Structures are given as C-alpha cells and as structure tokens.
Amino acid sequence: GAALLRALDEPMKQAGVAVSPLWPST
C-alpha cells in the first residue's frame, strides 16, 4: 500500500499536483 502511494508521487508532481486529499480507511 505504501509503495503504491509512493509510486503515485512522481506522476502527480509531473501533472502539476500541489496537494493530495483522501478519505482514509486507516
């Protein structure tokens, strides 16, 4: 789970993302 979230990091930055909201299950 943590590795998948880290894998989203660089693509989000490349897309110009500055913040990331979520509704957590934990």
mmCIF file of all heavy atoms, coordinates in Angstrom:
data_MODEL
# 
_entry.id   MODEL 
# 
loop_
_atom_site.group_PDB 
_atom_site.id 
_atom_site.type_symbol 
_atom_site.label_atom_id 
_atom_site.label_alt_id 
_atom_site.label_comp_id 
_atom_site.label_asym_id 
_atom_site.label_entity_id 
_atom_site.label_seq_id 
_atom_site.pdbx_PDB_ins_code 
_atom_site.Cartn_x 
_atom_site.Cartn_y 
_atom_site.Cartn_z 
_atom_site.occupancy 
_atom_site.B_iso_or_equiv 
_atom_site.pdbx_formal_charge 
_atom_site.auth_seq_id 
_atom_site.auth_comp_id 
_atom_site.auth_asym_id 
_atom_site.auth_atom_id 
_atom_site.pdbx_PDB_model_num 
ATOM 1   N N   . GLY A 1 1  ? 0.823   -1.208 0.000   1.00 0.00 ? 1  GLY A N   1 
ATOM 2   C CA  . GLY A 1 1  ? 0.000   0.000  0.000   1.00 0.00 ? 1  GLY A CA  1 
ATOM 3   C C   . GLY A 1 1  ? 0.853   1.250  0.000   1.00 0.00 ? 1  GLY A C   1 
ATOM 4   O O   . GLY A 1 1  ? 0.636   2.181  -0.791  1.00 0.00 ? 1  GLY A O   1 
ATOM 5   N N   . ALA A 1 2  ? 1.844   1.285  0.876   1.00 0.00 ? 2  ALA A N   1 
ATOM 6   C CA  . ALA A 1 2  ? 2.743   2.435  0.942   1.00 0.00 ? 2  ALA A CA  1 
ATOM 7   C C   . ALA A 1 2  ? 3.532   2.584  -0.349  1.00 0.00 ? 2  ALA A C   1 
ATOM 8   O O   . ALA A 1 2  ? 3.732   3.696  -0.857  1.00 0.00 ? 2  ALA A O   1 
ATOM 9   C CB  . ALA A 1 2  ? 3.692   2.287  2.134   1.00 0.00 ? 2  ALA A CB  1 
ATOM 10  N N   . ALA A 1 3  ? 3.985   1.461  -0.906  1.00 0.00 ? 3  ALA A N   1 
ATOM 11  C CA  . ALA A 1 3  ? 4.759   1.515  -2.149  1.00 0.00 ? 3  ALA A CA  1 
ATOM 12  C C   . ALA A 1 3  ? 3.907   2.041  -3.304  1.00 0.00 ? 3  ALA A C   1 
ATOM 13  O O   . ALA A 1 3  ? 4.396   2.799  -4.160  1.00 0.00 ? 3  ALA A O   1 
ATOM 14  C CB  . ALA A 1 3  ? 5.301   0.131  -2.474  1.00 0.00 ? 3  ALA A CB  1 
ATOM 15  N N   . LEU A 1 4  ? 2.636   1.669  -3.353  1.00 0.00 ? 4  LEU A N   1 
ATOM 16  C CA  . LEU A 1 4  ? 1.747   2.172  -4.393  1.00 0.00 ? 4  LEU A CA  1 
ATOM 17  C C   . LEU A 1 4  ? 1.552   3.677  -4.265  1.00 0.00 ? 4  LEU A C   1 
ATOM 18  O O   . LEU A 1 4  ? 1.554   4.412  -5.266  1.00 0.00 ? 4  LEU A O   1 
ATOM 19  C CB  . LEU A 1 4  ? 0.391   1.458  -4.313  1.00 0.00 ? 4  LEU A CB  1 
ATOM 20  C CG  . LEU A 1 4  ? 0.343   0.052  -4.898  1.00 0.00 ? 4  LEU A CG  1 
ATOM 21  C CD1 . LEU A 1 4  ? -0.872  -0.703 -4.378  1.00 0.00 ? 4  LEU A CD1 1 
ATOM 22  C CD2 . LEU A 1 4  ? 0.321   0.120  -6.427  1.00 0.00 ? 4  LEU A CD2 1 
ATOM 23  N N   . LEU A 1 5  ? 1.393   4.150  -3.045  1.00 0.00 ? 5  LEU A N   1 
ATOM 24  C CA  . LEU A 1 5  ? 1.221   5.592  -2.835  1.00 0.00 ? 5  LEU A CA  1 
ATOM 25  C C   . LEU A 1 5  ? 2.484   6.348  -3.217  1.00 0.00 ? 5  LEU A C   1 
ATOM 26  O O   . LEU A 1 5  ? 2.418   7.431  -3.816  1.00 0.00 ? 5  LEU A O   1 
ATOM 27  C CB  . LEU A 1 5  ? 0.846   5.860  -1.377  1.00 0.00 ? 5  LEU A CB  1 
ATOM 28  C CG  . LEU A 1 5  ? -0.559  5.387  -0.989  1.00 0.00 ? 5  LEU A CG  1 
ATOM 29  C CD1 . LEU A 1 5  ? -0.710  5.319  0.522   1.00 0.00 ? 5  LEU A CD1 1 
ATOM 30  C CD2 . LEU A 1 5  ? -1.614  6.305  -1.581  1.00 0.00 ? 5  LEU A CD2 1 
ATOM 31  N N   . ARG A 1 6  ? 3.658   5.781  -2.904  1.00 0.00 ? 6  ARG A N   1 
ATOM 32  C CA  . ARG A 1 6  ? 4.905   6.430  -3.310  1.00 0.00 ? 6  ARG A CA  1 
ATOM 33  C C   . ARG A 1 6  ? 5.039   6.439  -4.838  1.00 0.00 ? 6  ARG A C   1 
ATOM 34  O O   . ARG A 1 6  ? 5.586   7.375  -5.426  1.00 0.00 ? 6  ARG A O   1 
ATOM 35  C CB  . ARG A 1 6  ? 6.096   5.716  -2.674  1.00 0.00 ? 6  ARG A CB  1 
ATOM 36  C CG  . ARG A 1 6  ? 6.176   5.868  -1.153  1.00 0.00 ? 6  ARG A CG  1 
ATOM 37  C CD  . ARG A 1 6  ? 7.501   5.350  -0.615  1.00 0.00 ? 6  ARG A CD  1 
ATOM 38  N NE  . ARG A 1 6  ? 7.522   5.340  0.842   1.00 0.00 ? 6  ARG A NE  1 
ATOM 39  C CZ  . ARG A 1 6  ? 7.330   4.254  1.583   1.00 0.00 ? 6  ARG A CZ  1 
ATOM 40  N NH1 . ARG A 1 6  ? 7.100   3.079  0.992   1.00 0.00 ? 6  ARG A NH1 1 
ATOM 41  N NH2 . ARG A 1 6  ? 7.364   4.322  2.901   1.00 0.00 ? 6  ARG A NH2 1 
ATOM 42  N N   . ALA A 1 7  ? 4.518   5.389  -5.483  1.00 0.00 ? 7  ALA A N   1 
ATOM 43  C CA  . ALA A 1 7  ? 4.596   5.310  -6.942  1.00 0.00 ? 7  ALA A CA  1 
ATOM 44  C C   . ALA A 1 7  ? 3.742   6.381  -7.608  1.00 0.00 ? 7  ALA A C   1 
ATOM 45  O O   . ALA A 1 7  ? 4.000   6.763  -8.763  1.00 0.00 ? 7  ALA A O   1 
ATOM 46  C CB  . ALA A 1 7  ? 4.161   3.923  -7.412  1.00 0.00 ? 7  ALA A CB  1 
ATOM 47  N N   . LEU A 1 8  ? 2.726   6.884  -6.905  1.00 0.00 ? 8  LEU A N   1 
ATOM 48  C CA  . LEU A 1 8  ? 1.899   7.958  -7.449  1.00 0.00 ? 8  LEU A CA  1 
ATOM 49  C C   . LEU A 1 8  ? 2.578   9.317  -7.353  1.00 0.00 ? 8  LEU A C   1 
ATOM 50  O O   . LEU A 1 8  ? 2.193   10.261 -8.046  1.00 0.00 ? 8  LEU A O   1 
ATOM 51  C CB  . LEU A 1 8  ? 0.565   8.031  -6.695  1.00 0.00 ? 8  LEU A CB  1 
ATOM 52  C CG  . LEU A 1 8  ? -0.439  6.898  -6.888  1.00 0.00 ? 8  LEU A CG  1 
ATOM 53  C CD1 . LEU A 1 8  ? -1.634  7.110  -5.957  1.00 0.00 ? 8  LEU A CD1 1 
ATOM 54  C CD2 . LEU A 1 8  ? -0.920  6.842  -8.334  1.00 0.00 ? 8  LEU A CD2 1 
ATOM 55  N N   . ASP A 1 9  ? 3.585   9.414  -6.499  1.00 0.00 ? 9  ASP A N   1 
ATOM 56  C CA  . ASP A 1 9  ? 4.184   10.693 -6.154  1.00 0.00 ? 9  ASP A CA  1 
ATOM 57  C C   . ASP A 1 9  ? 4.739   11.442 -7.375  1.00 0.00 ? 9  ASP A C   1 
ATOM 58  O O   . ASP A 1 9  ? 4.360   12.589 -7.650  1.00 0.00 ? 9  ASP A O   1 
ATOM 59  C CB  . ASP A 1 9  ? 5.294   10.485 -5.125  1.00 0.00 ? 9  ASP A CB  1 
ATOM 60  C CG  . ASP A 1 9  ? 5.255   11.514 -4.020  1.00 0.00 ? 9  ASP A CG  1 
ATOM 61  O OD1 . ASP A 1 9  ? 4.144   11.950 -3.678  1.00 0.00 ? 9  ASP A OD1 1 
ATOM 62  O OD2 . ASP A 1 9  ? 6.329   11.866 -3.510  1.00 0.00 ? 9  ASP A OD2 1 
ATOM 63  N N   . GLU A 1 10 ? 5.639   10.814 -8.097  1.00 0.00 ? 10 GLU A N   1 
ATOM 64  C CA  . GLU A 1 10 ? 6.283   11.497 -9.214  1.00 0.00 ? 10 GLU A CA  1 
ATOM 65  C C   . GLU A 1 10 ? 5.297   11.819 -10.330 1.00 0.00 ? 10 GLU A C   1 
ATOM 66  O O   . GLU A 1 10 ? 5.322   12.945 -10.863 1.00 0.00 ? 10 GLU A O   1 
ATOM 67  C CB  . GLU A 1 10 ? 7.447   10.653 -9.750  1.00 0.00 ? 10 GLU A CB  1 
ATOM 68  C CG  . GLU A 1 10 ? 8.347   11.409 -10.728 1.00 0.00 ? 10 GLU A CG  1 
ATOM 69  C CD  . GLU A 1 10 ? 8.910   12.700 -10.146 1.00 0.00 ? 10 GLU A CD  1 
ATOM 70  O OE1 . GLU A 1 10 ? 9.218   12.747 -8.938  1.00 0.00 ? 10 GLU A OE1 1 
ATOM 71  O OE2 . GLU A 1 10 ? 9.034   13.689 -10.910 1.00 0.00 ? 10 GLU A OE2 1 
ATOM 72  N N   . PRO A 1 11 ? 4.405   10.888 -10.715 1.00 0.00 ? 11 PRO A N   1 
ATOM 73  C CA  . PRO A 1 11 ? 3.406   11.251 -11.720 1.00 0.00 ? 11 PRO A CA  1 
ATOM 74  C C   . PRO A 1 11 ? 2.516   12.420 -11.288 1.00 0.00 ? 11 PRO A C   1 
ATOM 75  O O   . PRO A 1 11 ? 2.134   13.248 -12.123 1.00 0.00 ? 11 PRO A O   1 
ATOM 76  C CB  . PRO A 1 11 ? 2.584   9.973  -11.886 1.00 0.00 ? 11 PRO A CB  1 
ATOM 77  C CG  . PRO A 1 11 ? 3.489   8.876  -11.475 1.00 0.00 ? 11 PRO A CG  1 
ATOM 78  C CD  . PRO A 1 11 ? 4.341   9.452  -10.385 1.00 0.00 ? 11 PRO A CD  1 
ATOM 79  N N   . MET A 1 12 ? 2.172   12.507 -10.002 1.00 0.00 ? 12 MET A N   1 
ATOM 80  C CA  . MET A 1 12 ? 1.369   13.638 -9.539  1.00 0.00 ? 12 MET A CA  1 
ATOM 81  C C   . MET A 1 12 ? 2.147   14.940 -9.686  1.00 0.00 ? 12 MET A C   1 
ATOM 82  O O   . MET A 1 12 ? 1.622   15.952 -10.156 1.00 0.00 ? 12 MET A O   1 
ATOM 83  C CB  . MET A 1 12 ? 0.930   13.434 -8.086  1.00 0.00 ? 12 MET A CB  1 
ATOM 84  C CG  . MET A 1 12 ? -0.213  12.451 -7.923  1.00 0.00 ? 12 MET A CG  1 
ATOM 85  S SD  . MET A 1 12 ? -1.146  12.621 -6.375  1.00 0.00 ? 12 MET A SD  1 
ATOM 86  C CE  . MET A 1 12 ? 0.057   12.100 -5.156  1.00 0.00 ? 12 MET A CE  1 
ATOM 87  N N   . LYS A 1 13 ? 3.432   14.926 -9.300  1.00 0.00 ? 13 LYS A N   1 
ATOM 88  C CA  . LYS A 1 13 ? 4.245   16.139 -9.440  1.00 0.00 ? 13 LYS A CA  1 
ATOM 89  C C   . LYS A 1 13 ? 4.386   16.539 -10.903 1.00 0.00 ? 13 LYS A C   1 
ATOM 90  O O   . LYS A 1 13 ? 4.315   17.721 -11.253 1.00 0.00 ? 13 LYS A O   1 
ATOM 91  C CB  . LYS A 1 13 ? 5.616   15.920 -8.808  1.00 0.00 ? 13 LYS A CB  1 
ATOM 92  C CG  . LYS A 1 13 ? 5.586   15.842 -7.283  1.00 0.00 ? 13 LYS A CG  1 
ATOM 93  C CD  . LYS A 1 13 ? 6.970   15.591 -6.711  1.00 0.00 ? 13 LYS A CD  1 
ATOM 94  C CE  . LYS A 1 13 ? 6.929   15.518 -5.179  1.00 0.00 ? 13 LYS A CE  1 
ATOM 95  N NZ  . LYS A 1 13 ? 8.247   15.206 -4.594  1.00 0.00 ? 13 LYS A NZ  1 
ATOM 96  N N   . GLN A 1 14 ? 4.571   15.549 -11.782 1.00 0.00 ? 14 GLN A N   1 
ATOM 97  C CA  . GLN A 1 14 ? 4.681   15.832 -13.216 1.00 0.00 ? 14 GLN A CA  1 
ATOM 98  C C   . GLN A 1 14 ? 3.384   16.422 -13.765 1.00 0.00 ? 14 GLN A C   1 
ATOM 99  O O   . GLN A 1 14 ? 3.417   17.203 -14.724 1.00 0.00 ? 14 GLN A O   1 
ATOM 100 C CB  . GLN A 1 14 ? 5.051   14.561 -13.981 1.00 0.00 ? 14 GLN A CB  1 
ATOM 101 C CG  . GLN A 1 14 ? 6.469   14.077 -13.720 1.00 0.00 ? 14 GLN A CG  1 
ATOM 102 C CD  . GLN A 1 14 ? 6.774   12.752 -14.392 1.00 0.00 ? 14 GLN A CD  1 
ATOM 103 O OE1 . GLN A 1 14 ? 5.924   12.165 -15.062 1.00 0.00 ? 14 GLN A OE1 1 
ATOM 104 N NE2 . GLN A 1 14 ? 7.997   12.257 -14.220 1.00 0.00 ? 14 GLN A NE2 1 
ATOM 105 N N   . ALA A 1 15 ? 2.257   16.051 -13.163 1.00 0.00 ? 15 ALA A N   1 
ATOM 106 C CA  . ALA A 1 15 ? 0.959   16.590 -13.587 1.00 0.00 ? 15 ALA A CA  1 
ATOM 107 C C   . ALA A 1 15 ? 0.662   17.952 -12.960 1.00 0.00 ? 15 ALA A C   1 
ATOM 108 O O   . ALA A 1 15 ? -0.409  18.506 -13.186 1.00 0.00 ? 15 ALA A O   1 
ATOM 109 C CB  . ALA A 1 15 ? -0.146  15.600 -13.231 1.00 0.00 ? 15 ALA A CB  1 
ATOM 110 N N   . GLY A 1 16 ? 1.597   18.469 -12.167 1.00 0.00 ? 16 GLY A N   1 
ATOM 111 C CA  . GLY A 1 16 ? 1.402   19.775 -11.548 1.00 0.00 ? 16 GLY A CA  1 
ATOM 112 C C   . GLY A 1 16 ? 0.610   19.754 -10.261 1.00 0.00 ? 16 GLY A C   1 
ATOM 113 O O   . GLY A 1 16 ? 0.175   20.807 -9.786  1.00 0.00 ? 16 GLY A O   1 
ATOM 114 N N   . VAL A 1 17 ? 0.434   18.571 -9.665  1.00 0.00 ? 17 VAL A N   1 
ATOM 115 C CA  . VAL A 1 17 ? -0.330  18.446 -8.424  1.00 0.00 ? 17 VAL A CA  1 
ATOM 116 C C   . VAL A 1 17 ? 0.450   19.062 -7.266  1.00 0.00 ? 17 VAL A C   1 
ATOM 117 O O   . VAL A 1 17 ? 1.643   18.803 -7.102  1.00 0.00 ? 17 VAL A O   1 
ATOM 118 C CB  . VAL A 1 17 ? -0.648  16.968 -8.132  1.00 0.00 ? 17 VAL A CB  1 
ATOM 119 C CG1 . VAL A 1 17 ? -1.120  16.760 -6.703  1.00 0.00 ? 17 VAL A CG1 1 
ATOM 120 C CG2 . VAL A 1 17 ? -1.692  16.454 -9.117  1.00 0.00 ? 17 VAL A CG2 1 
ATOM 121 N N   . ALA A 1 18 ? -0.224  19.873 -6.452  1.00 0.00 ? 18 ALA A N   1 
ATOM 122 C CA  . ALA A 1 18 ? 0.406   20.516 -5.301  1.00 0.00 ? 18 ALA A CA  1 
ATOM 123 C C   . ALA A 1 18 ? -0.036  19.908 -3.980  1.00 0.00 ? 18 ALA A C   1 
ATOM 124 O O   . ALA A 1 18 ? 0.739   19.840 -3.019  1.00 0.00 ? 18 ALA A O   1 
ATOM 125 C CB  . ALA A 1 18 ? 0.107   22.016 -5.299  1.00 0.00 ? 18 ALA A CB  1 
ATOM 126 N N   . VAL A 1 19 ? -1.306  19.468 -3.901  1.00 0.00 ? 19 VAL A N   1 
ATOM 127 C CA  . VAL A 1 19 ? -1.829  18.883 -2.666  1.00 0.00 ? 19 VAL A CA  1 
ATOM 128 C C   . VAL A 1 19 ? -2.598  17.607 -3.014  1.00 0.00 ? 19 VAL A C   1 
ATOM 129 O O   . VAL A 1 19 ? -3.010  17.411 -4.163  1.00 0.00 ? 19 VAL A O   1 
ATOM 130 C CB  . VAL A 1 19 ? -2.762  19.860 -1.912  1.00 0.00 ? 19 VAL A CB  1 
ATOM 131 C CG1 . VAL A 1 19 ? -2.026  21.126 -1.536  1.00 0.00 ? 19 VAL A CG1 1 
ATOM 132 C CG2 . VAL A 1 19 ? -4.020  20.181 -2.736  1.00 0.00 ? 19 VAL A CG2 1 
ATOM 133 N N   . SER A 1 20 ? -2.796  16.754 -2.000  1.00 0.00 ? 20 SER A N   1 
ATOM 134 C CA  . SER A 1 20 ? -3.480  15.485 -2.242  1.00 0.00 ? 20 SER A CA  1 
ATOM 135 C C   . SER A 1 20 ? -4.438  15.181 -1.094  1.00 0.00 ? 20 SER A C   1 
ATOM 136 O O   . SER A 1 20 ? -4.008  14.869 0.013   1.00 0.00 ? 20 SER A O   1 
ATOM 137 C CB  . SER A 1 20 ? -2.471  14.343 -2.384  1.00 0.00 ? 20 SER A CB  1 
ATOM 138 O OG  . SER A 1 20 ? -3.139  13.109 -2.570  1.00 0.00 ? 20 SER A OG  1 
ATOM 139 N N   . PRO A 1 21 ? -5.760  15.257 -1.338  1.00 0.00 ? 21 PRO A N   1 
ATOM 140 C CA  . PRO A 1 21 ? -6.741  14.865 -0.327  1.00 0.00 ? 21 PRO A CA  1 
ATOM 141 C C   . PRO A 1 21 ? -7.116  13.395 -0.476  1.00 0.00 ? 21 PRO A C   1 
ATOM 142 O O   . PRO A 1 21 ? -6.995  12.808 -1.565  1.00 0.00 ? 21 PRO A O   1 
ATOM 143 C CB  . PRO A 1 21 ? -7.941  15.756 -0.655  1.00 0.00 ? 21 PRO A CB  1 
ATOM 144 C CG  . PRO A 1 21 ? -7.876  15.897 -2.155  1.00 0.00 ? 21 PRO A CG  1 
ATOM 145 C CD  . PRO A 1 21 ? -6.403  15.885 -2.518  1.00 0.00 ? 21 PRO A CD  1 
ATOM 146 N N   . LEU A 1 22 ? -7.609  12.805 0.601   1.00 0.00 ? 22 LEU A N   1 
ATOM 147 C CA  . LEU A 1 22 ? -8.140  11.445 0.537   1.00 0.00 ? 22 LEU A CA  1 
ATOM 148 C C   . LEU A 1 22 ? -9.039  11.197 1.736   1.00 0.00 ? 22 LEU A C   1 
ATOM 149 O O   . LEU A 1 22 ? -8.987  11.904 2.744   1.00 0.00 ? 22 LEU A O   1 
ATOM 150 C CB  . LEU A 1 22 ? -7.016  10.398 0.474   1.00 0.00 ? 22 LEU A CB  1 
ATOM 151 C CG  . LEU A 1 22 ? -5.959  10.342 1.584   1.00 0.00 ? 22 LEU A CG  1 
ATOM 152 C CD1 . LEU A 1 22 ? -6.464  9.633  2.844   1.00 0.00 ? 22 LEU A CD1 1 
ATOM 153 C CD2 . LEU A 1 22 ? -4.708  9.623  1.091   1.00 0.00 ? 22 LEU A CD2 1 
ATOM 154 N N   . TRP A 1 23 ? -9.881  10.165 1.589   1.00 0.00 ? 23 TRP A N   1 
ATOM 155 C CA  . TRP A 1 23 ? -10.708 9.652  2.691   1.00 0.00 ? 23 TRP A CA  1 
ATOM 156 C C   . TRP A 1 23 ? -10.084 8.331  3.123   1.00 0.00 ? 23 TRP A C   1 
ATOM 157 O O   . TRP A 1 23 ? -10.155 7.348  2.390   1.00 0.00 ? 23 TRP A O   1 
ATOM 158 C CB  . TRP A 1 23 ? -12.145 9.443  2.234   1.00 0.00 ? 23 TRP A CB  1 
ATOM 159 C CG  . TRP A 1 23 ? -12.875 10.715 1.920   1.00 0.00 ? 23 TRP A CG  1 
ATOM 160 C CD1 . TRP A 1 23 ? -13.005 11.309 0.705   1.00 0.00 ? 23 TRP A CD1 1 
ATOM 161 C CD2 . TRP A 1 23 ? -13.560 11.550 2.860   1.00 0.00 ? 23 TRP A CD2 1 
ATOM 162 N NE1 . TRP A 1 23 ? -13.742 12.462 0.814   1.00 0.00 ? 23 TRP A NE1 1 
ATOM 163 C CE2 . TRP A 1 23 ? -14.096 12.638 2.120   1.00 0.00 ? 23 TRP A CE2 1 
ATOM 164 C CE3 . TRP A 1 23 ? -13.785 11.484 4.230   1.00 0.00 ? 23 TRP A CE3 1 
ATOM 165 C CZ2 . TRP A 1 23 ? -14.837 13.646 2.726   1.00 0.00 ? 23 TRP A CZ2 1 
ATOM 166 C CZ3 . TRP A 1 23 ? -14.520 12.495 4.836   1.00 0.00 ? 23 TRP A CZ3 1 
ATOM 167 C CH2 . TRP A 1 23 ? -15.040 13.562 4.081   1.00 0.00 ? 23 TRP A CH2 1 
ATOM 168 N N   . PRO A 1 24 ? -9.467  8.254  4.294   1.00 0.00 ? 24 PRO A N   1 
ATOM 169 C CA  . PRO A 1 24 ? -8.707  7.057  4.660   1.00 0.00 ? 24 PRO A CA  1 
ATOM 170 C C   . PRO A 1 24 ? -9.565  5.952  5.253   1.00 0.00 ? 24 PRO A C   1 
ATOM 171 O O   . PRO A 1 24 ? -10.553 6.203  5.941   1.00 0.00 ? 24 PRO A O   1 
ATOM 172 C CB  . PRO A 1 24 ? -7.746  7.596  5.724   1.00 0.00 ? 24 PRO A CB  1 
ATOM 173 C CG  . PRO A 1 24 ? -8.547  8.669  6.402   1.00 0.00 ? 24 PRO A CG  1 
ATOM 174 C CD  . PRO A 1 24 ? -9.366  9.315  5.315   1.00 0.00 ? 24 PRO A CD  1 
ATOM 175 N N   . SER A 1 25 ? -9.161  4.718  4.987   1.00 0.00 ? 25 SER A N   1 
ATOM 176 C CA  . SER A 1 25 ? -9.745  3.579  5.696   1.00 0.00 ? 25 SER A CA  1 
ATOM 177 C C   . SER A 1 25 ? -8.956  3.307  6.972   1.00 0.00 ? 25 SER A C   1 
ATOM 178 O O   . SER A 1 25 ? -9.448  2.649  7.892   1.00 0.00 ? 25 SER A O   1 
ATOM 179 C CB  . SER A 1 25 ? -9.740  2.338  4.802   1.00 0.00 ? 25 SER A CB  1 
ATOM 180 O OG  . SER A 1 25 ? -8.428  2.066  4.329   1.00 0.00 ? 25 SER A OG  1 
ATOM 181 N N   . THR A 1 26 ? -7.732  3.793  7.008   1.00 0.00 ? 26 THR A N   1 
ATOM 182 C CA  . THR A 1 26 ? -6.889  3.687  8.204   1.00 0.00 ? 26 THR A CA  1 
ATOM 183 C C   . THR A 1 26 ? -5.984  4.904  8.244   1.00 0.00 ? 26 THR A C   1 
ATOM 184 O O   . THR A 1 26 ? -5.504  5.369  7.205   1.00 0.00 ? 26 THR A O   1 
ATOM 185 C CB  . THR A 1 26 ? -6.056  2.388  8.180   1.00 0.00 ? 26 THR A CB  1 
ATOM 186 O OG1 . THR A 1 26 ? -5.232  2.339  9.348   1.00 0.00 ? 26 THR A OG1 1 
ATOM 187 C CG2 . THR A 1 26 ? -5.178  2.317  6.953   1.00 0.00 ? 26 THR A CG2 1 
# 
